[in-house]
Amino acid sequence: MVYYVFKIAITTVLIVLISEIAKRSTFWGAVLASIPVVSVLAMIWIYTETKDIEKISQFSISVFWLVIPSLMFFVLLPLLLKKGIGFYMSLGVSALMTLIVYYAMISAFDKIGMKL
């Protein structure tokens, strides 16, 4: 139980730290947010708990391919905001479109026999 609290605390502190830095400097906040901190932490937790290098390798490959559809969010959100659409609506539409692109990519991979 202590281990899970530790994992949650470390992950939470990093997210709060990035958001606080972003309030002061969007550039440095973006730099820190663009570093795959969550993925790296997940790999550390997976390795610590399982020592399964194959699982980490597969996880890394899956993250690589799934970053591509996630870019939809970061392209669409500023476009919608610049068009005067409210923040929460823009956020929701961007998230929904990202989910659709995720689904399309995963479906395409399934059709060609590639498992993520």
Protein backbone atom coordinates (compact mmCIF):
# COMPACT_ATOMS: atom_id res chain seq x y z
CA MET A 1 0.00 0.00 0.00
CA VAL A 2 2.84 2.39 0.83
CA TYR A 3 4.33 1.72 -2.60
CA TYR A 4 1.09 2.75 -4.35
CA VAL A 5 0.85 5.93 -2.28
CA PHE A 6 4.48 6.66 -3.24
CA LYS A 7 3.69 6.12 -6.95
CA ILE A 8 0.66 8.39 -6.76
CA ALA A 9 2.57 11.07 -4.85
CA ILE A 10 5.49 11.17 -7.31
CA THR A 11 3.21 11.26 -10.33
CA THR A 12 0.95 13.93 -8.80
CA VAL A 13 3.86 16.15 -7.76
CA LEU A 14 5.25 16.07 -11.31
CA ILE A 15 1.91 17.04 -12.87
CA VAL A 16 1.34 19.86 -10.37
CA LEU A 17 4.92 21.07 -10.85
CA ILE A 18 4.49 21.21 -14.63
CA SER A 19 1.20 23.10 -14.36
CA GLU A 20 2.72 25.62 -11.94
CA ILE A 21 5.70 26.19 -14.23
CA ALA A 22 3.34 26.58 -17.20
CA LYS A 23 1.49 29.37 -15.38
CA ARG A 24 4.73 31.32 -15.23
CA SER A 25 6.17 30.31 -18.61
CA THR A 26 4.11 28.51 -21.22
CA PHE A 27 7.30 27.65 -23.09
CA TRP A 28 9.01 25.89 -20.15
CA GLY A 29 5.74 24.29 -19.11
CA ALA A 30 5.37 22.93 -22.63
CA VAL A 31 8.96 21.69 -22.66
CA LEU A 32 8.39 19.77 -19.43
CA ALA A 33 4.98 18.51 -20.53
CA SER A 34 6.37 17.30 -23.86
CA ILE A 35 8.92 15.12 -22.11
CA PRO A 36 7.27 11.72 -21.78
CA VAL A 37 7.36 11.87 -17.97
CA VAL A 38 4.25 9.75 -17.52
CA SER A 39 5.52 7.11 -19.96
CA VAL A 40 8.94 7.02 -18.32
CA LEU A 41 7.37 6.71 -14.87
CA ALA A 42 5.10 3.94 -16.13
CA MET A 43 8.15 2.09 -17.50
CA ILE A 44 9.94 2.49 -14.18
CA TRP A 45 6.91 1.20 -12.27
CA ILE A 46 6.46 -1.73 -14.70
CA TYR A 47 10.15 -2.67 -14.46
CA THR A 48 10.22 -2.30 -10.68
CA GLU A 49 7.16 -4.49 -10.29
CA THR A 50 7.74 -7.12 -13.02
CA LYS A 51 11.33 -6.90 -14.32
CA ASP A 52 9.68 -7.77 -17.67
CA ILE A 53 11.82 -6.15 -20.39
CA GLU A 54 9.55 -7.48 -23.15
CA LYS A 55 6.52 -5.82 -21.57
CA ILE A 56 8.41 -2.51 -21.36
CA SER A 57 9.55 -2.86 -24.97
CA GLN A 58 5.99 -3.51 -26.16
CA PHE A 59 4.70 -0.63 -24.04
CA SER A 60 7.28 1.70 -25.58
CA ILE A 61 6.34 0.68 -29.14
CA SER A 62 2.65 1.14 -28.37
CA VAL A 63 3.27 4.60 -26.89
CA PHE A 64 5.26 5.55 -30.00
CA TRP A 65 2.42 4.66 -32.35
CA LEU A 66 -0.26 6.17 -30.14
CA VAL A 67 1.54 9.51 -29.88
CA ILE A 68 0.65 10.09 -33.53
CA PRO A 69 -3.14 10.27 -33.03
CA SER A 70 -2.66 12.25 -29.80
CA LEU A 71 -1.19 15.07 -31.89
CA MET A 72 -4.73 15.74 -33.19
CA PHE A 73 -5.56 17.21 -29.80
CA PHE A 74 -2.67 19.68 -29.85
CA VAL A 75 -3.42 20.81 -33.40
CA LEU A 76 -7.19 21.11 -33.03
CA LEU A 77 -7.40 22.79 -29.60
CA PRO A 78 -5.59 26.02 -30.52
CA LEU A 79 -7.45 26.20 -33.85
CA LEU A 80 -10.82 26.01 -32.11
CA LEU A 81 -9.78 28.52 -29.44
CA LYS A 82 -8.60 30.98 -32.11
CA LYS A 83 -12.01 30.65 -33.81
CA GLY A 84 -13.59 31.93 -30.60
CA ILE A 85 -15.03 28.64 -29.41
CA GLY A 86 -15.11 28.45 -25.61
CA PHE A 87 -12.38 26.64 -23.72
CA TYR A 88 -14.43 23.72 -22.43
CA MET A 89 -16.18 23.16 -25.75
CA SER A 90 -12.81 23.30 -27.57
CA LEU A 91 -11.34 20.90 -25.03
CA GLY A 92 -14.24 18.48 -25.42
CA VAL A 93 -14.25 18.58 -29.24
CA SER A 94 -10.47 18.14 -29.33
CA ALA A 95 -10.62 15.19 -26.94
CA LEU A 96 -13.47 13.58 -28.89
CA MET A 97 -11.67 13.98 -32.22
CA THR A 98 -8.53 12.55 -30.65
CA LEU A 99 -10.48 9.50 -29.48
CA ILE A 100 -11.88 9.06 -33.00
CA VAL A 101 -8.38 9.21 -34.49
CA TYR A 102 -7.15 6.73 -31.83
CA TYR A 103 -9.96 4.36 -32.78
CA ALA A 104 -9.18 4.73 -36.49
CA MET A 105 -5.48 4.04 -35.95
CA ILE A 106 -6.06 1.05 -33.71
CA SER A 107 -8.61 -0.33 -36.21
CA ALA A 108 -6.12 0.14 -39.05
CA PHE A 109 -3.44 -1.69 -37.06
CA ASP A 110 -5.89 -4.52 -36.35
CA LYS A 111 -6.64 -4.83 -40.08
CA ILE A 112 -2.97 -5.21 -40.95
CA GLY A 113 -2.41 -7.62 -38.06
CA MET A 114 -0.28 -5.31 -35.93
CA LYS A 115 -1.02 -5.58 -32.22
CA LEU A 116 -0.42 -2.61 -29.97
